[in-house]
C-alpha atoms as a PDB file:
ATOM      1  CA  MET A   1      20.473   6.252   2.729  1.00  0.00           C
ATOM      2  CA  ALA A   2      21.910   9.106   4.451  1.00  0.00           C
ATOM      3  CA  ASN A   3      24.216   8.694   7.355  1.00  0.00           C
ATOM      4  CA  ARG A   4      22.261   9.467  10.802  1.00  0.00           C
ATOM      5  CA  THR A   5      24.909   8.539  13.270  1.00  0.00           C
ATOM      6  CA  THR A   6      25.050  10.930  16.259  1.00  0.00           C
ATOM      7  CA  ALA A   7      26.434  10.497  19.749  1.00  0.00           C
ATOM      8  CA  PRO A   8      23.443  10.220  22.339  1.00  0.00           C
ATOM      9  CA  GLY A   9      22.848  13.253  23.884  1.00  0.00           C
ATOM     10  CA  THR A  10      23.680  15.162  20.693  1.00  0.00           C
ATOM     11  CA  PRO A  11      21.810  18.655  20.869  1.00  0.00           C
ATOM     12  CA  GLU A  12      18.894  18.829  18.324  1.00  0.00           C
ATOM     13  CA  GLY A  13      20.883  21.551  16.556  1.00  0.00           C
ATOM     14  CA  ASP A  14      24.137  19.752  15.783  1.00  0.00           C
ATOM     15  CA  ARG A  15      21.926  16.824  14.312  1.00  0.00           C
ATOM     16  CA  PRO A  16      21.917  15.841  10.526  1.00  0.00           C
ATOM     17  CA  LYS A  17      18.951  17.435   9.038  1.00  0.00           C
ATOM     18  CA  GLN A  18      16.362  15.176   7.853  1.00  0.00           C
ATOM     19  CA  PRO A  19      14.064  15.934   4.872  1.00  0.00           C
ATOM     20  CA  THR A  20      10.565  16.671   5.415  1.00  0.00           C
ATOM     21  CA  ARG A  21       9.499  15.585   1.869  1.00  0.00           C
ATOM     22  CA  TRP A  22      11.075  12.392  -0.044  1.00  0.00           C
ATOM     23  CA  LEU A  23      13.713  13.462  -2.475  1.00  0.00           C
ATOM     24  CA  ALA A  24      12.817  11.230  -5.250  1.00  0.00           C
ATOM     25  CA  CYS A  25       9.183  11.727  -5.432  1.00  0.00           C
ATOM     26  CA  ASN A  26       8.409  14.884  -3.109  1.00  0.00           C
ATOM     27  CA  GLU A  27       5.671  13.190  -1.184  1.00  0.00           C
ATOM     28  CA  PRO A  28       5.433  13.912   2.706  1.00  0.00           C
ATOM     29  CA  VAL A  29       8.018  11.631   4.960  1.00  0.00           C
ATOM     30  CA  GLU A  30       6.981   9.027   7.379  1.00  0.00           C
ATOM     31  CA  GLN A  31       8.365   9.507  10.875  1.00  0.00           C
ATOM     32  CA  PRO A  32       9.576   5.864  11.057  1.00  0.00           C
ATOM     33  CA  LEU A  33      11.264   6.087   7.895  1.00  0.00           C
ATOM     34  CA  ALA A  34      12.550   9.625   8.522  1.00  0.00           C
ATOM     35  CA  PHE A  35      13.966   7.970  11.806  1.00  0.00           C
ATOM     36  CA  LEU A  36      16.054   5.689   9.822  1.00  0.00           C
ATOM     37  CA  GLY A  37      17.622   8.113   7.781  1.00  0.00           C
ATOM     38  CA  SER A  38      15.644   6.872   4.347  1.00  0.00           C
ATOM     39  CA  LEU A  39      15.555   9.272   1.438  1.00  0.00           C
ATOM     40  CA  ARG A  40      13.055   7.706  -0.741  1.00  0.00           C
ATOM     41  CA  CYS A  41       9.870   6.270   0.130  1.00  0.00           C
ATOM     42  CA  LEU A  42       9.078   2.320  -0.031  1.00  0.00           C
ATOM     43  CA  ALA A  43       7.208   2.437  -3.262  1.00  0.00           C
ATOM     44  CA  CYS A  44      10.169   4.770  -4.897  1.00  0.00           C
ATOM     45  CA  ARG A  45      12.791   2.359  -3.326  1.00  0.00           C
ATOM     46  CA  GLU A  46      10.889  -0.938  -4.566  1.00  0.00           C
ATOM     47  CA  ASP A  47      11.045   0.970  -8.276  1.00  0.00           C
ATOM     48  CA  ASN A  48      14.339   2.191  -7.523  1.00  0.00           C
ATOM     49  CA  ALA A  49      13.764   5.253  -8.356  1.00  0.00           C
ATOM     50  CA  PRO A  50      16.872   8.001  -8.593  1.00  0.00           C
ATOM     51  CA  LEU A  51      16.719  11.061  -6.174  1.00  0.00           C
ATOM     52  CA  ASP A  52      15.494  14.330  -7.831  1.00  0.00           C
ATOM     53  CA  PRO A  53      18.566  16.281  -8.258  1.00  0.00           C
ATOM     54  CA  THR A  54      16.469  19.638  -7.632  1.00  0.00           C
ATOM     55  CA  LEU A  55      15.153  18.432  -4.360  1.00  0.00           C
ATOM     56  CA  VAL A  56      18.533  17.312  -3.142  1.00  0.00           C
ATOM     57  CA  ALA A  57      19.970  20.480  -3.792  1.00  0.00           C
ATOM     58  CA  GLU A  58      17.296  22.264  -1.831  1.00  0.00           C
ATOM     59  CA  TRP A  59      17.578  19.906   1.062  1.00  0.00           C
ATOM     60  CA  GLN A  60      21.623  20.444   1.065  1.00  0.00           C
ATOM     61  CA  ALA A  61      21.113  24.340   0.580  1.00  0.00           C
ATOM     62  CA  GLU A  62      19.184  23.824   4.222  1.00  0.00           C
ATOM     63  CA  GLY A  63      22.603  22.392   5.554  1.00  0.00           C
ATOM     64  CA  ALA A  64      22.090  18.778   4.910  1.00  0.00           C
ATOM     65  CA  THR A  65      24.855  16.486   3.959  1.00  0.00           C
ATOM     66  CA  PHE A  66      24.419  12.654   2.790  1.00  0.00           C
END
């Protein structure tokens, strides 16, 4: 999982970027799992699917970090 720890009251622009699509299957992210910092959907987690390097590179190009 990505590190999502931020101090309470951290301005929105200073918070870690969350993906809008899963980084393994490219499906839309469900908000409860996004809030927890998950990078893969439940099905991909169950299958232990690897993250797609292309999707990860795009996410990182937007300023995200693990």
